[in-house]
Amino acid sequence: LNDYIRISVLYYGRLNFHLNFRKYEPFCMFPCLNIANENDLDTIIIHFHGGGFVALSSETSQSYTRKWANELKIPVFSVDYRKPPKYRFPTPL
């Protein structure tokens, strides 16, 4: 069987706070063989990409975050934090 990754680009916003992230989740083309549904999850990975709070994104990290989701059979959430020059340190934190 071939494994696939379902990618969702999500946004969470509230007052003066917003967060963009990507959700990579394992997906089987045959529904009866899907590993777990959202109610059964007890393990996830939350990934903060490298770049020293100034570069890169969840999109540039997807070569390995997709692989993690596929091989580990668990969802991976890759967070995009706010970067300069628009947001000065320590805003990304």
Protein backbone atom coordinates (compact mmCIF):
# COMPACT_ATOMS: atom_id res chain seq x y z
CA LEU A 1 0.00 0.00 0.00
CA ASN A 2 1.13 3.53 -0.72
CA ASP A 3 1.04 6.04 2.09
CA TYR A 4 0.04 9.63 1.54
CA ILE A 5 0.24 12.77 3.63
CA ARG A 6 -2.72 15.13 4.00
CA ILE A 7 -1.50 18.72 4.38
CA SER A 8 -3.64 21.41 5.99
CA VAL A 9 -2.53 25.04 6.22
CA LEU A 10 -4.21 26.44 9.34
CA TYR A 11 -4.52 29.79 11.06
CA TYR A 12 -5.33 30.60 14.66
CA GLY A 13 -6.04 34.22 15.55
CA ARG A 14 -7.22 35.99 18.64
CA LEU A 15 -7.06 39.72 19.44
CA ASN A 16 -3.42 40.76 18.88
CA PHE A 17 -2.13 37.21 18.52
CA HIS A 18 -2.03 35.03 15.43
CA LEU A 19 -0.38 31.78 14.54
CA ASN A 20 0.01 30.01 11.20
CA PHE A 21 0.92 26.36 11.02
CA ARG A 22 0.81 23.33 8.78
CA LYS A 23 -0.62 20.00 9.80
CA TYR A 24 0.86 16.92 8.13
CA GLU A 25 -1.10 13.77 8.84
CA PRO A 26 -0.73 10.24 7.55
CA PHE A 27 -3.49 9.21 5.20
CA CYS A 28 -4.29 5.90 3.58
CA MET A 29 -6.25 5.79 0.33
CA PHE A 30 -8.34 2.99 1.81
CA PRO A 31 -10.50 4.44 4.66
CA CYS A 32 -10.84 1.12 6.45
CA LEU A 33 -7.05 0.99 6.87
CA ASN A 34 -6.47 4.51 8.23
CA ILE A 35 -4.33 4.30 11.35
CA ALA A 36 -6.31 6.55 13.70
CA ASN A 37 -8.95 9.21 13.73
CA GLU A 38 -8.66 12.56 15.49
CA ASN A 39 -10.45 11.27 18.60
CA ASP A 40 -7.90 8.48 19.08
CA LEU A 41 -4.72 10.59 19.00
CA ASP A 42 -2.46 10.45 22.02
CA THR A 43 0.81 11.40 20.28
CA ILE A 44 1.68 14.34 18.02
CA ILE A 45 4.85 16.17 17.03
CA ILE A 46 5.03 19.96 17.28
CA HIS A 47 7.83 21.29 15.08
CA PHE A 48 9.35 24.78 15.27
CA HIS A 49 11.48 25.26 12.17
CA GLY A 50 15.08 26.43 12.34
CA GLY A 51 16.27 29.80 11.10
CA GLY A 52 17.13 31.65 14.31
CA PHE A 53 13.77 33.48 14.37
CA VAL A 54 14.70 35.31 11.14
CA ALA A 55 14.50 32.84 8.25
CA LEU A 56 12.85 29.70 6.85
CA SER A 57 9.25 28.52 7.34
CA SER A 58 7.11 25.46 7.86
CA GLU A 59 7.01 25.12 4.08
CA THR A 60 10.81 24.94 3.75
CA SER A 61 10.88 22.18 6.39
CA GLN A 62 8.29 19.96 4.78
CA SER A 63 10.79 17.55 3.21
CA TYR A 64 11.40 16.00 6.62
CA THR A 65 8.14 16.84 8.46
CA ARG A 66 6.20 14.94 5.77
CA LYS A 67 8.59 12.03 6.19
CA TRP A 68 8.09 12.03 9.98
CA ALA A 69 4.30 11.92 9.59
CA ASN A 70 4.50 9.14 7.03
CA GLU A 71 7.01 6.92 8.83
CA LEU A 72 5.78 7.47 12.39
CA LYS A 73 2.07 7.42 11.44
CA ILE A 74 1.28 10.42 13.65
CA PRO A 75 0.32 14.03 12.87
CA VAL A 76 3.05 16.67 12.71
CA PHE A 77 2.21 20.33 13.36
CA SER A 78 4.82 22.70 11.94
CA VAL A 79 4.53 26.21 13.38
CA ASP A 80 5.32 29.44 11.52
CA TYR A 81 6.42 32.15 13.91
CA ARG A 82 6.49 35.88 13.19
CA LYS A 83 9.82 37.13 11.81
CA PRO A 84 11.69 40.43 11.46
CA PRO A 85 11.80 43.08 10.22
CA LYS A 86 8.05 43.43 10.80
CA TYR A 87 8.24 41.73 14.22
CA ARG A 88 11.23 42.52 16.44
CA PHE A 89 12.70 40.09 18.95
CA PRO A 90 11.26 38.71 21.26
CA THR A 91 7.91 38.82 19.39
CA PRO A 92 8.53 35.44 17.66
CA LEU A 93 8.69 33.77 21.06
